[in-house]
């Protein structure tokens, strides 16, 4: 999952390409609001190898266990207070600037191309 640090340039949010030092602790990244489609409960883990490079970072989620039988999702939130970075909190839903950023990760949504009638790979 691509994550990035941004700043307000007066018109829109832009990637902070000067950020080469912000780092996140995986223990301060929480997963919640699991959505199970198919009735099978599953969990996943998170890892982050930092620091950010040119404002960009990669947050990795482990393969769901047990594997979801259908589509599913989980909300990923960075606890910026635990990271001592409350200055990065925002008013994401119109309330005061005290909210952590949240994103939704999905599993089993994309399955590949259907344009092939037959494909053979030889090694």
PDB file of N, CA and C in Angstrom:
ATOM      1  N   UNK A   1       0.855  -1.154   0.000  1.00  0.00           N
ATOM      2  CA  UNK A   1       0.000   0.000   0.000  1.00  0.00           C
ATOM      3  C   UNK A   1       0.909   1.226   0.000  1.00  0.00           C
ATOM      4  N   UNK A   2       0.787   2.058  -0.998  1.00  0.00           N
ATOM      5  CA  UNK A   2       1.612   3.263  -1.112  1.00  0.00           C
ATOM      6  C   UNK A   2       1.093   4.304  -0.124  1.00  0.00           C
ATOM      7  N   UNK A   3       2.000   4.853   0.676  1.00  0.00           N
ATOM      8  CA  UNK A   3       1.647   5.950   1.571  1.00  0.00           C
ATOM      9  C   UNK A   3       2.605   7.096   1.302  1.00  0.00           C
ATOM     10  N   UNK A   4       2.163   8.307   1.631  1.00  0.00           N
ATOM     11  CA  UNK A   4       3.016   9.458   1.353  1.00  0.00           C
ATOM     12  C   UNK A   4       2.771  10.568   2.349  1.00  0.00           C
ATOM     13  N   UNK A   5       3.776  11.407   2.508  1.00  0.00           N
ATOM     14  CA  UNK A   5       3.621  12.616   3.306  1.00  0.00           C
ATOM     15  C   UNK A   5       3.320  13.750   2.338  1.00  0.00           C
ATOM     16  N   UNK A   6       2.402  14.613   2.739  1.00  0.00           N
ATOM     17  CA  UNK A   6       1.964  15.701   1.872  1.00  0.00           C
ATOM     18  C   UNK A   6       1.971  17.019   2.628  1.00  0.00           C
ATOM     19  N   UNK A   7       1.891  18.096   1.892  1.00  0.00           N
ATOM     20  CA  UNK A   7       1.749  19.427   2.472  1.00  0.00           C
ATOM     21  C   UNK A   7       0.777  20.213   1.604  1.00  0.00           C
ATOM     22  N   UNK A   8       0.212  21.278   2.174  1.00  0.00           N
ATOM     23  CA  UNK A   8      -0.708  22.146   1.450  1.00  0.00           C
ATOM     24  C   UNK A   8       0.099  23.224   0.749  1.00  0.00           C
ATOM     25  N   UNK A   9       0.020  23.271  -0.587  1.00  0.00           N
ATOM     26  CA  UNK A   9       0.821  24.249  -1.336  1.00  0.00           C
ATOM     27  C   UNK A   9       0.061  25.542  -1.628  1.00  0.00           C
ATOM     28  N   UNK A  10      -1.083  25.711  -0.997  1.00  0.00           N
ATOM     29  CA  UNK A  10      -1.892  26.905  -1.195  1.00  0.00           C
ATOM     30  C   UNK A  10      -3.075  26.655  -2.102  1.00  0.00           C
ATOM     31  N   UNK A  11      -3.006  25.600  -2.906  1.00  0.00           N
ATOM     32  CA  UNK A  11      -4.088  25.239  -3.816  1.00  0.00           C
ATOM     33  C   UNK A  11      -4.568  23.809  -3.591  1.00  0.00           C
ATOM     34  N   UNK A  12      -3.621  22.909  -3.379  1.00  0.00           N
ATOM     35  CA  UNK A  12      -3.955  21.493  -3.218  1.00  0.00           C
ATOM     36  C   UNK A  12      -2.867  20.810  -2.394  1.00  0.00           C
ATOM     37  N   UNK A  13      -3.147  19.591  -1.946  1.00  0.00           N
ATOM     38  CA  UNK A  13      -2.122  18.805  -1.265  1.00  0.00           C
ATOM     39  C   UNK A  13      -1.136  18.270  -2.295  1.00  0.00           C
ATOM     40  N   UNK A  14       0.150  18.339  -1.960  1.00  0.00           N
ATOM     41  CA  UNK A  14       1.205  17.854  -2.850  1.00  0.00           C
ATOM     42  C   UNK A  14       2.149  16.954  -2.060  1.00  0.00           C
ATOM     43  N   UNK A  15       2.749  15.996  -2.740  1.00  0.00           N
ATOM     44  CA  UNK A  15       3.706  15.105  -2.088  1.00  0.00           C
ATOM     45  C   UNK A  15       4.918  15.896  -1.629  1.00  0.00           C
ATOM     46  N   UNK A  16       5.337  15.662  -0.397  1.00  0.00           N
ATOM     47  CA  UNK A  16       6.486  16.361   0.172  1.00  0.00           C
ATOM     48  C   UNK A  16       7.770  15.650  -0.259  1.00  0.00           C
ATOM     49  N   UNK A  17       8.300  16.001  -1.422  1.00  0.00           N
ATOM     50  CA  UNK A  17       9.475  15.307  -1.965  1.00  0.00           C
ATOM     51  C   UNK A  17      10.741  15.577  -1.150  1.00  0.00           C
ATOM     52  N   UNK A  18      10.698  16.547  -0.225  1.00  0.00           N
ATOM     53  CA  UNK A  18      11.846  16.835   0.624  1.00  0.00           C
ATOM     54  C   UNK A  18      11.883  15.950   1.869  1.00  0.00           C
ATOM     55  N   UNK A  19      10.857  15.128   2.073  1.00  0.00           N
ATOM     56  CA  UNK A  19      10.788  14.284   3.268  1.00  0.00           C
ATOM     57  C   UNK A  19      11.544  12.975   3.031  1.00  0.00           C
ATOM     58  N   UNK A  20      12.698  12.868   3.673  1.00  0.00           N
ATOM     59  CA  UNK A  20      13.512  11.655   3.599  1.00  0.00           C
ATOM     60  C   UNK A  20      13.768  11.091   4.990  1.00  0.00           C
ATOM     61  N   UNK A  21      13.051  11.590   6.006  1.00  0.00           N
ATOM     62  CA  UNK A  21      13.372  11.160   7.363  1.00  0.00           C
ATOM     63  C   UNK A  21      12.174  10.686   8.185  1.00  0.00           C
ATOM     64  N   UNK A  22      10.952  11.014   7.806  1.00  0.00           N
ATOM     65  CA  UNK A  22       9.794  10.568   8.581  1.00  0.00           C
ATOM     66  C   UNK A  22       9.754   9.049   8.593  1.00  0.00           C
ATOM     67  N   UNK A  23       9.577   8.490   9.777  1.00  0.00           N
ATOM     68  CA  UNK A  23       9.541   7.044   9.927  1.00  0.00           C
ATOM     69  C   UNK A  23       8.309   6.677  10.754  1.00  0.00           C
ATOM     70  N   UNK A  24       7.755   5.505  10.516  1.00  0.00           N
ATOM     71  CA  UNK A  24       6.599   5.022  11.258  1.00  0.00           C
ATOM     72  C   UNK A  24       6.950   3.702  11.937  1.00  0.00           C
ATOM     73  N   UNK A  25       6.367   3.492  13.114  1.00  0.00           N
ATOM     74  CA  UNK A  25       6.540   2.247  13.848  1.00  0.00           C
ATOM     75  C   UNK A  25       5.356   1.337  13.547  1.00  0.00           C
ATOM     76  N   UNK A  26       5.583   0.121  13.049  1.00  0.00           N
ATOM     77  CA  UNK A  26       4.459  -0.768  12.730  1.00  0.00           C
ATOM     78  C   UNK A  26       3.499  -0.984  13.898  1.00  0.00           C
ATOM     79  N   UNK A  27       3.999  -0.936  15.136  1.00  0.00           N
ATOM     80  CA  UNK A  27       3.127  -1.118  16.300  1.00  0.00           C
ATOM     81  C   UNK A  27       2.104   0.010  16.429  1.00  0.00           C
ATOM     82  N   UNK A  28       2.369   1.166  15.820  1.00  0.00           N
ATOM     83  CA  UNK A  28       1.452   2.304  15.891  1.00  0.00           C
ATOM     84  C   UNK A  28       0.534   2.402  14.681  1.00  0.00           C
ATOM     85  N   UNK A  29       0.513   1.371  13.876  1.00  0.00           N
ATOM     86  CA  UNK A  29      -0.404   1.291  12.739  1.00  0.00           C
ATOM     87  C   UNK A  29      -1.461   0.265  13.105  1.00  0.00           C
ATOM     88  N   UNK A  30      -2.706   0.723  13.194  1.00  0.00           N
ATOM     89  CA  UNK A  30      -3.770  -0.167  13.642  1.00  0.00           C
ATOM     90  C   UNK A  30      -4.634  -0.611  12.467  1.00  0.00           C
ATOM     91  N   UNK A  31      -5.176  -1.802  12.604  1.00  0.00           N
ATOM     92  CA  UNK A  31      -6.080  -2.376  11.613  1.00  0.00           C
ATOM     93  C   UNK A  31      -7.428  -2.575  12.277  1.00  0.00           C
ATOM     94  N   UNK A  32      -8.484  -2.194  11.587  1.00  0.00           N
ATOM     95  CA  UNK A  32      -9.818  -2.337  12.163  1.00  0.00           C
ATOM     96  C   UNK A  32     -10.894  -2.317  11.102  1.00  0.00           C
ATOM     97  N   UNK A  33     -12.125  -2.434  11.551  1.00  0.00           N
ATOM     98  CA  UNK A  33     -13.291  -2.429  10.660  1.00  0.00           C
ATOM     99  C   UNK A  33     -13.152  -3.483   9.563  1.00  0.00           C
ATOM    100  N   UNK A  34     -12.769  -4.691   9.980  1.00  0.00           N
ATOM    101  CA  UNK A  34     -12.650  -5.795   9.027  1.00  0.00           C
ATOM    102  C   UNK A  34     -14.013  -6.066   8.390  1.00  0.00           C
ATOM    103  N   UNK A  35     -14.031  -6.206   7.090  1.00  0.00           N
ATOM    104  CA  UNK A  35     -15.257  -6.544   6.360  1.00  0.00           C
ATOM    105  C   UNK A  35     -15.068  -7.930   5.774  1.00  0.00           C
ATOM    106  N   UNK A  36     -15.927  -8.849   6.185  1.00  0.00           N
ATOM    107  CA  UNK A  36     -15.832 -10.233   5.729  1.00  0.00           C
ATOM    108  C   UNK A  36     -16.947 -10.511   4.748  1.00  0.00           C
ATOM    109  N   UNK A  37     -16.622 -10.775   3.523  1.00  0.00           N
ATOM    110  CA  UNK A  37     -17.622 -11.154   2.535  1.00  0.00           C
ATOM    111  C   UNK A  37     -17.469 -12.653   2.317  1.00  0.00           C
ATOM    112  N   UNK A  38     -18.410 -13.395   2.783  1.00  0.00           N
ATOM    113  CA  UNK A  38     -18.332 -14.837   2.695  1.00  0.00           C
ATOM    114  C   UNK A  38     -18.394 -15.482   4.067  1.00  0.00           C
ATOM    115  N   UNK A  39     -18.408 -14.652   5.123  1.00  0.00           N
ATOM    116  CA  UNK A  39     -18.602 -15.157   6.462  1.00  0.00           C
ATOM    117  C   UNK A  39     -17.377 -15.722   7.152  1.00  0.00           C
ATOM    118  N   UNK A  40     -16.202 -15.715   6.511  1.00  0.00           N
ATOM    119  CA  UNK A  40     -15.001 -16.269   7.121  1.00  0.00           C
ATOM    120  C   UNK A  40     -14.186 -15.122   7.715  1.00  0.00           C
ATOM    121  N   UNK A  41     -14.002 -15.139   9.035  1.00  0.00           N
ATOM    122  CA  UNK A  41     -13.204 -14.106   9.685  1.00  0.00           C
ATOM    123  C   UNK A  41     -11.728 -14.344   9.379  1.00  0.00           C
ATOM    124  N   UNK A  42     -10.979 -13.275   9.136  1.00  0.00           N
ATOM    125  CA  UNK A  42      -9.569 -13.376   8.821  1.00  0.00           C
ATOM    126  C   UNK A  42      -8.822 -12.213   9.450  1.00  0.00           C
ATOM    127  N   UNK A  43      -7.519 -12.326   9.534  1.00  0.00           N
ATOM    128  CA  UNK A  43      -6.676 -11.255  10.056  1.00  0.00           C
ATOM    129  C   UNK A  43      -5.475 -11.077   9.130  1.00  0.00           C
ATOM    130  N   UNK A  44      -4.803  -9.954   9.291  1.00  0.00           N
ATOM    131  CA  UNK A  44      -3.595  -9.660   8.527  1.00  0.00           C
ATOM    132  C   UNK A  44      -2.643  -8.886   9.429  1.00  0.00           C
ATOM    133  N   UNK A  45      -1.397  -8.830   9.070  1.00  0.00           N
ATOM    134  CA  UNK A  45      -0.401  -8.080   9.828  1.00  0.00           C
ATOM    135  C   UNK A  45       0.163  -6.954   8.987  1.00  0.00           C
ATOM    136  N   UNK A  46       0.898  -6.054   9.619  1.00  0.00           N
ATOM    137  CA  UNK A  46       1.414  -4.887   8.922  1.00  0.00           C
ATOM    138  C   UNK A  46       2.914  -4.741   9.167  1.00  0.00           C
ATOM    139  N   UNK A  47       3.612  -4.258   8.150  1.00  0.00           N
ATOM    140  CA  UNK A  47       5.023  -3.919   8.298  1.00  0.00           C
ATOM    141  C   UNK A  47       5.300  -2.654   7.492  1.00  0.00           C
ATOM    142  N   UNK A  48       6.276  -1.909   7.939  1.00  0.00           N
ATOM    143  CA  UNK A  48       6.671  -0.680   7.255  1.00  0.00           C
ATOM    144  C   UNK A  48       8.178  -0.587   7.307  1.00  0.00           C
ATOM    145  N   UNK A  49       8.785  -0.448   6.153  1.00  0.00           N
ATOM    146  CA  UNK A  49      10.224  -0.271   6.106  1.00  0.00           C
ATOM    147  C   UNK A  49      10.496   1.166   5.728  1.00  0.00           C
ATOM    148  N   UNK A  50      10.992   1.918   6.653  1.00  0.00           N
ATOM    149  CA  UNK A  50      11.165   3.338   6.404  1.00  0.00           C
ATOM    150  C   UNK A  50      12.620   3.715   6.528  1.00  0.00           C
ATOM    151  N   UNK A  51      12.917   4.960   6.531  1.00  0.00           N
ATOM    152  CA  UNK A  51      11.985   6.080   6.477  1.00  0.00           C
ATOM    153  C   UNK A  51      11.456   6.361   5.071  1.00  0.00           C
ATOM    154  N   UNK A  52      10.579   7.349   4.982  1.00  0.00           N
ATOM    155  CA  UNK A  52      10.052   7.737   3.678  1.00  0.00           C
ATOM    156  C   UNK A  52      11.202   8.187   2.774  1.00  0.00           C
ATOM    157  N   UNK A  53      11.012   8.035   1.485  1.00  0.00           N
ATOM    158  CA  UNK A  53      11.987   8.488   0.504  1.00  0.00           C
ATOM    159  C   UNK A  53      11.264   9.405  -0.476  1.00  0.00           C
ATOM    160  N   UNK A  54      11.675  10.656  -0.518  1.00  0.00           N
ATOM    161  CA  UNK A  54      11.022  11.673  -1.353  1.00  0.00           C
ATOM    162  C   UNK A  54       9.528  11.741  -1.054  1.00  0.00           C
ATOM    163  N   UNK A  55       9.182  11.563   0.222  1.00  0.00           N
ATOM    164  CA  UNK A  55       7.783  11.657   0.643  1.00  0.00           C
ATOM    165  C   UNK A  55       6.964  10.406   0.415  1.00  0.00           C
ATOM    166  N   UNK A  56       7.571   9.354  -0.120  1.00  0.00           N
ATOM    167  CA  UNK A  56       6.838   8.126  -0.426  1.00  0.00           C
ATOM    168  C   UNK A  56       7.326   6.973   0.442  1.00  0.00           C
ATOM    169  N   UNK A  57       6.393   6.101   0.801  1.00  0.00           N
ATOM    170  CA  UNK A  57       6.726   4.921   1.585  1.00  0.00           C
ATOM    171  C   UNK A  57       5.813   3.773   1.199  1.00  0.00           C
ATOM    172  N   UNK A  58       6.193   2.580   1.602  1.00  0.00           N
ATOM    173  CA  UNK A  58       5.386   1.389   1.329  1.00  0.00           C
ATOM    174  C   UNK A  58       5.019   0.716   2.635  1.00  0.00           C
ATOM    175  N   UNK A  59       3.737   0.554   2.830  1.00  0.00           N
ATOM    176  CA  UNK A  59       3.221  -0.170   3.973  1.00  0.00           C
ATOM    177  C   UNK A  59       2.773  -1.524   3.449  1.00  0.00           C
ATOM    178  N   UNK A  60       3.248  -2.585   4.058  1.00  0.00           N
ATOM    179  CA  UNK A  60       2.938  -3.919   3.546  1.00  0.00           C
ATOM    180  C   UNK A  60       2.016  -4.653   4.502  1.00  0.00           C
ATOM    181  N   UNK A  61       1.000  -5.281   3.932  1.00  0.00           N
ATOM    182  CA  UNK A  61       0.084  -6.107   4.689  1.00  0.00           C
ATOM    183  C   UNK A  61       0.374  -7.562   4.339  1.00  0.00           C
ATOM    184  N   UNK A  62       0.390  -8.402   5.359  1.00  0.00           N
ATOM    185  CA  UNK A  62       0.636  -9.815   5.102  1.00  0.00           C
ATOM    186  C   UNK A  62      -0.596 -10.463   4.488  1.00  0.00           C
ATOM    187  N   UNK A  63      -0.387 -11.612   3.898  1.00  0.00           N
ATOM    188  CA  UNK A  63      -1.476 -12.369   3.291  1.00  0.00           C
ATOM    189  C   UNK A  63      -2.511 -12.693   4.370  1.00  0.00           C
ATOM    190  N   UNK A  64      -3.798 -12.460   4.103  1.00  0.00           N
ATOM    191  CA  UNK A  64      -4.826 -12.755   5.104  1.00  0.00           C
ATOM    192  C   UNK A  64      -4.779 -14.219   5.537  1.00  0.00           C
ATOM    193  N   UNK A  65      -5.035 -14.427   6.831  1.00  0.00           N
ATOM    194  CA  UNK A  65      -5.010 -15.780   7.366  1.00  0.00           C
ATOM    195  C   UNK A  65      -6.239 -16.009   8.238  1.00  0.00           C
ATOM    196  N   UNK A  66      -7.027 -17.044   8.008  1.00  0.00           N
ATOM    197  CA  UNK A  66      -6.986 -17.863   6.808  1.00  0.00           C
ATOM    198  C   UNK A  66      -7.425 -17.038   5.607  1.00  0.00           C
ATOM    199  N   UNK A  67      -7.044 -17.465   4.419  1.00  0.00           N
ATOM    200  CA  UNK A  67      -7.347 -16.710   3.200  1.00  0.00           C
ATOM    201  C   UNK A  67      -8.855 -16.502   3.074  1.00  0.00           C
ATOM    202  N   UNK A  68      -9.282 -15.253   2.816  1.00  0.00           N
ATOM    203  CA  UNK A  68     -10.711 -15.003   2.643  1.00  0.00           C
ATOM    204  C   UNK A  68     -11.273 -15.804   1.469  1.00  0.00           C
ATOM    205  N   UNK A  69     -12.458 -16.314   1.650  1.00  0.00           N
ATOM    206  CA  UNK A  69     -13.075 -17.072   0.577  1.00  0.00           C
ATOM    207  C   UNK A  69     -13.644 -16.151  -0.487  1.00  0.00           C
ATOM    208  N   UNK A  70     -13.847 -14.928  -0.158  1.00  0.00           N
ATOM    209  CA  UNK A  70     -14.382 -13.943  -1.100  1.00  0.00           C
ATOM    210  C   UNK A  70     -13.672 -12.609  -0.874  1.00  0.00           C
ATOM    211  N   UNK A  71     -14.318 -11.536  -1.242  1.00  0.00           N
ATOM    212  CA  UNK A  71     -13.752 -10.209  -1.072  1.00  0.00           C
ATOM    213  C   UNK A  71     -13.775  -9.794   0.398  1.00  0.00           C
ATOM    214  N   UNK A  72     -12.822  -8.931   0.752  1.00  0.00           N
ATOM    215  CA  UNK A  72     -12.779  -8.404   2.099  1.00  0.00           C
ATOM    216  C   UNK A  72     -11.967  -7.126   2.148  1.00  0.00           C
ATOM    217  N   UNK A  73     -12.063  -6.412   3.263  1.00  0.00           N
ATOM    218  CA  UNK A  73     -11.303  -5.178   3.412  1.00  0.00           C
ATOM    219  C   UNK A  73     -10.992  -4.933   4.882  1.00  0.00           C
ATOM    220  N   UNK A  74     -10.030  -4.051   5.106  1.00  0.00           N
ATOM    221  CA  UNK A  74      -9.652  -3.644   6.455  1.00  0.00           C
ATOM    222  C   UNK A  74      -9.222  -2.178   6.387  1.00  0.00           C
ATOM    223  N   UNK A  75      -9.568  -1.411   7.424  1.00  0.00           N
ATOM    224  CA  UNK A  75      -9.153  -0.017   7.507  1.00  0.00           C
ATOM    225  C   UNK A  75      -7.804   0.062   8.210  1.00  0.00           C
ATOM    226  N   UNK A  76      -6.882   0.834   7.633  1.00  0.00           N
ATOM    227  CA  UNK A  76      -5.531   1.003   8.154  1.00  0.00           C
ATOM    228  C   UNK A  76      -5.408   2.435   8.670  1.00  0.00           C
ATOM    229  N   UNK A  77      -5.018   2.586   9.940  1.00  0.00           N
ATOM    230  CA  UNK A  77      -4.902   3.906  10.563  1.00  0.00           C
ATOM    231  C   UNK A  77      -3.545   4.051  11.222  1.00  0.00           C
ATOM    232  N   UNK A  78      -2.907   5.199  11.017  1.00  0.00           N
ATOM    233  CA  UNK A  78      -1.637   5.507  11.681  1.00  0.00           C
ATOM    234  C   UNK A  78      -1.960   6.319  12.926  1.00  0.00           C
ATOM    235  N   UNK A  79      -1.550   5.832  14.097  1.00  0.00           N
ATOM    236  CA  UNK A  79      -1.757   6.545  15.358  1.00  0.00           C
ATOM    237  C   UNK A  79      -0.659   7.596  15.498  1.00  0.00           C
ATOM    238  N   UNK A  80      -0.949   8.797  15.027  1.00  0.00           N
ATOM    239  CA  UNK A  80       0.060   9.859  15.012  1.00  0.00           C
ATOM    240  C   UNK A  80       0.388  10.372  16.401  1.00  0.00           C
ATOM    241  N   UNK A  81      -0.521  10.261  17.364  1.00  0.00           N
ATOM    242  CA  UNK A  81      -0.214  10.663  18.741  1.00  0.00           C
ATOM    243  C   UNK A  81       0.851   9.737  19.326  1.00  0.00           C
ATOM    244  N   UNK A  82       0.716   8.429  19.090  1.00  0.00           N
ATOM    245  CA  UNK A  82       1.711   7.472  19.574  1.00  0.00           C
ATOM    246  C   UNK A  82       3.051   7.671  18.878  1.00  0.00           C
ATOM    247  N   UNK A  83       3.033   8.200  17.664  1.00  0.00           N
ATOM    248  CA  UNK A  83       4.255   8.471  16.904  1.00  0.00           C
ATOM    249  C   UNK A  83       4.861   9.828  17.260  1.00  0.00           C
ATOM    250  N   UNK A  84       4.197  10.589  18.159  1.00  0.00           N
ATOM    251  CA  UNK A  84       4.595  11.957  18.513  1.00  0.00           C
ATOM    252  C   UNK A  84       4.611  12.861  17.291  1.00  0.00           C
ATOM    253  N   UNK A  85       3.605  12.677  16.434  1.00  0.00           N
ATOM    254  CA  UNK A  85       3.487  13.472  15.209  1.00  0.00           C
ATOM    255  C   UNK A  85       2.065  14.030  15.076  1.00  0.00           C
ATOM    256  N   UNK A  86       1.525  14.587  16.170  1.00  0.00           N
ATOM    257  CA  UNK A  86       0.147  15.080  16.111  1.00  0.00           C
ATOM    258  C   UNK A  86       0.006  16.255  15.148  1.00  0.00           C
ATOM    259  N   UNK A  87       1.103  16.899  14.802  1.00  0.00           N
ATOM    260  CA  UNK A  87       1.062  17.994  13.833  1.00  0.00           C
ATOM    261  C   UNK A  87       0.657  17.505  12.441  1.00  0.00           C
ATOM    262  N   UNK A  88       0.663  16.184  12.218  1.00  0.00           N
ATOM    263  CA  UNK A  88       0.252  15.621  10.928  1.00  0.00           C
ATOM    264  C   UNK A  88      -1.226  15.222  10.908  1.00  0.00           C
ATOM    265  N   UNK A  89      -1.914  15.346  12.055  1.00  0.00           N
ATOM    266  CA  UNK A  89      -3.339  15.022  12.084  1.00  0.00           C
ATOM    267  C   UNK A  89      -4.116  16.053  11.280  1.00  0.00           C
ATOM    268  N   UNK A  90      -5.324  15.686  10.871  1.00  0.00           N
ATOM    269  CA  UNK A  90      -6.118  16.587  10.051  1.00  0.00           C
ATOM    270  C   UNK A  90      -7.594  16.523  10.385  1.00  0.00           C
ATOM    271  N   UNK A  91      -8.356  17.340   9.707  1.00  0.00           N
ATOM    272  CA  UNK A  91      -9.816  17.380   9.854  1.00  0.00           C
ATOM    273  C   UNK A  91     -10.428  16.610   8.690  1.00  0.00           C
ATOM    274  N   UNK A  92     -10.186  15.315   8.660  1.00  0.00           N
ATOM    275  CA  UNK A  92     -10.544  14.498   7.508  1.00  0.00           C
ATOM    276  C   UNK A  92     -12.041  14.371   7.307  1.00  0.00           C
ATOM    277  N   UNK A  93     -12.834  14.510   8.364  1.00  0.00           N
ATOM    278  CA  UNK A  93     -14.295  14.411   8.212  1.00  0.00           C
ATOM    279  C   UNK A  93     -14.987  15.691   8.631  1.00  0.00           C
ATOM    280  N   UNK A  94     -14.269  16.807   8.635  1.00  0.00           N
ATOM    281  CA  UNK A  94     -14.871  18.098   8.929  1.00  0.00           C
ATOM    282  C   UNK A  94     -14.808  18.492  10.388  1.00  0.00           C
ATOM    283  N   UNK A  95     -14.219  17.691  11.245  1.00  0.00           N
ATOM    284  CA  UNK A  95     -14.091  18.032  12.657  1.00  0.00           C
ATOM    285  C   UNK A  95     -12.736  18.678  12.895  1.00  0.00           C
ATOM    286  N   UNK A  96     -12.425  19.064  14.135  1.00  0.00           N
ATOM    287  CA  UNK A  96     -11.121  19.700  14.391  1.00  0.00           C
ATOM    288  C   UNK A  96      -9.946  18.834  13.933  1.00  0.00           C
ATOM    289  N   UNK A  97      -8.799  19.455  13.845  1.00  0.00           N
ATOM    290  CA  UNK A  97      -7.588  18.798  13.336  1.00  0.00           C
ATOM    291  C   UNK A  97      -6.989  17.837  14.366  1.00  0.00           C
ATOM    292  N   UNK A  98      -7.748  16.792  14.706  1.00  0.00           N
ATOM    293  CA  UNK A  98      -7.294  15.815  15.698  1.00  0.00           C
ATOM    294  C   UNK A  98      -7.482  14.389  15.204  1.00  0.00           C
ATOM    295  N   UNK A  99      -7.682  14.206  13.921  1.00  0.00           N
ATOM    296  CA  UNK A  99      -7.956  12.870  13.396  1.00  0.00           C
ATOM    297  C   UNK A  99      -6.740  12.296  12.683  1.00  0.00           C
ATOM    298  N   UNK A 100      -6.536  11.000  12.895  1.00  0.00           N
ATOM    299  CA  UNK A 100      -5.465  10.287  12.221  1.00  0.00           C
ATOM    300  C   UNK A 100      -5.889   9.916  10.800  1.00  0.00           C
ATOM    301  N   UNK A 101      -4.949   9.831   9.875  1.00  0.00           N
ATOM    302  CA  UNK A 101      -5.297   9.412   8.508  1.00  0.00           C
ATOM    303  C   UNK A 101      -5.672   7.931   8.479  1.00  0.00           C
ATOM    304  N   UNK A 102      -6.669   7.607   7.661  1.00  0.00           N
ATOM    305  CA  UNK A 102      -7.157   6.237   7.518  1.00  0.00           C
ATOM    306  C   UNK A 102      -7.318   5.917   6.044  1.00  0.00           C
ATOM    307  N   UNK A 103      -7.007   4.681   5.690  1.00  0.00           N
ATOM    308  CA  UNK A 103      -7.191   4.203   4.316  1.00  0.00           C
ATOM    309  C   UNK A 103      -7.767   2.797   4.383  1.00  0.00           C
ATOM    310  N   UNK A 104      -8.398   2.363   3.324  1.00  0.00           N
ATOM    311  CA  UNK A 104      -8.973   1.018   3.270  1.00  0.00           C
ATOM    312  C   UNK A 104      -8.180   0.151   2.306  1.00  0.00           C
ATOM    313  N   UNK A 105      -7.772  -1.009   2.797  1.00  0.00           N
ATOM    314  CA  UNK A 105      -7.076  -2.007   1.972  1.00  0.00           C
ATOM    315  C   UNK A 105      -8.079  -3.108   1.643  1.00  0.00           C
ATOM    316  N   UNK A 106      -8.101  -3.536   0.396  1.00  0.00           N
ATOM    317  CA  UNK A 106      -9.040  -4.581  -0.022  1.00  0.00           C
ATOM    318  C   UNK A 106      -8.290  -5.825  -0.486  1.00  0.00           C
ATOM    319  N   UNK A 107      -8.945  -6.960  -0.314  1.00  0.00           N
ATOM    320  CA  UNK A 107      -8.388  -8.247  -0.728  1.00  0.00           C
ATOM    321  C   UNK A 107      -9.412  -8.955  -1.597  1.00  0.00           C
ATOM    322  N   UNK A 108      -8.954  -9.595  -2.667  1.00  0.00           N
ATOM    323  CA  UNK A 108      -9.838 -10.384  -3.518  1.00  0.00           C
ATOM    324  C   UNK A 108     -10.714  -9.592  -4.448  1.00  0.00           C
ATOM    325  N   UNK A 109     -10.410  -8.309  -4.647  1.00  0.00           N
ATOM    326  CA  UNK A 109     -11.244  -7.471  -5.510  1.00  0.00           C
ATOM    327  C   UNK A 109     -10.809  -7.588  -6.963  1.00  0.00           C
ATOM    328  N   UNK A 110      -9.488  -7.569  -7.182  1.00  0.00           N
ATOM    329  CA  UNK A 110      -8.961  -7.632  -8.540  1.00  0.00           C
ATOM    330  C   UNK A 110      -8.459  -9.046  -8.803  1.00  0.00           C
ATOM    331  N   UNK A 111      -8.863  -9.618  -9.905  1.00  0.00           N
ATOM    332  CA  UNK A 111      -8.490 -11.004 -10.178  1.00  0.00           C
ATOM    333  C   UNK A 111      -7.696 -11.201 -11.462  1.00  0.00           C
ATOM    334  N   UNK A 112      -7.375 -10.182 -12.155  1.00  0.00           N
ATOM    335  CA  UNK A 112      -6.609 -10.348 -13.390  1.00  0.00           C
ATOM    336  C   UNK A 112      -7.492 -10.152 -14.612  1.00  0.00           C
ATOM    337  N   UNK A 113      -6.875 -10.283 -15.765  1.00  0.00           N
ATOM    338  CA  UNK A 113      -7.557 -10.010 -17.026  1.00  0.00           C
ATOM    339  C   UNK A 113      -8.450 -11.171 -17.459  1.00  0.00           C
ATOM    340  N   UNK A 114      -9.590 -10.846 -18.040  1.00  0.00           N
ATOM    341  CA  UNK A 114     -10.506 -11.839 -18.590  1.00  0.00           C
ATOM    342  C   UNK A 114     -10.420 -11.900 -20.114  1.00  0.00           C
ATOM    343  N   UNK A 115      -9.469 -11.185 -20.701  1.00  0.00           N
ATOM    344  CA  UNK A 115      -9.393 -11.103 -22.150  1.00  0.00           C
ATOM    345  C   UNK A 115      -8.805 -12.356 -22.797  1.00  0.00           C
ATOM    346  N   UNK A 116      -8.216 -13.241 -22.011  1.00  0.00           N
ATOM    347  CA  UNK A 116      -7.574 -14.423 -22.567  1.00  0.00           C
ATOM    348  C   UNK A 116      -8.564 -15.578 -22.704  1.00  0.00           C
ATOM    349  N   UNK A 117      -8.527 -16.217 -23.848  1.00  0.00           N
ATOM    350  CA  UNK A 117      -9.284 -17.448 -24.035  1.00  0.00           C
ATOM    351  C   UNK A 117      -8.407 -18.618 -23.615  1.00  0.00           C
ATOM    352  N   UNK A 118      -7.142 -18.558 -24.010  1.00  0.00           N
ATOM    353  CA  UNK A 118      -6.190 -19.590 -23.626  1.00  0.00           C
ATOM    354  C   UNK A 118      -4.811 -18.960 -23.540  1.00  0.00           C
ATOM    355  N   UNK A 119      -4.088 -19.231 -22.473  1.00  0.00           N
ATOM    356  CA  UNK A 119      -2.732 -18.720 -22.350  1.00  0.00           C
ATOM    357  C   UNK A 119      -1.847 -19.834 -21.814  1.00  0.00           C
ATOM    358  N   UNK A 120      -0.714 -20.021 -22.453  1.00  0.00           N
ATOM    359  CA  UNK A 120       0.210 -21.064 -22.040  1.00  0.00           C
ATOM    360  C   UNK A 120       1.574 -20.434 -21.792  1.00  0.00           C
ATOM    361  N   UNK A 121       2.184 -20.786 -20.680  1.00  0.00           N
ATOM    362  CA  UNK A 121       3.519 -20.313 -20.372  1.00  0.00           C
ATOM    363  C   UNK A 121       4.464 -21.502 -20.358  1.00  0.00           C
ATOM    364  N   UNK A 122       5.600 -21.343 -20.997  1.00  0.00           N
ATOM    365  CA  UNK A 122       6.586 -22.430 -21.017  1.00  0.00           C
ATOM    366  C   UNK A 122       7.875 -21.875 -20.421  1.00  0.00           C
ATOM    367  N   UNK A 123       8.471 -22.656 -19.565  1.00  0.00           N
ATOM    368  CA  UNK A 123       9.700 -22.210 -18.900  1.00  0.00           C
ATOM    369  C   UNK A 123      10.874 -23.039 -19.351  1.00  0.00           C
TER     370      UNK A 123
END
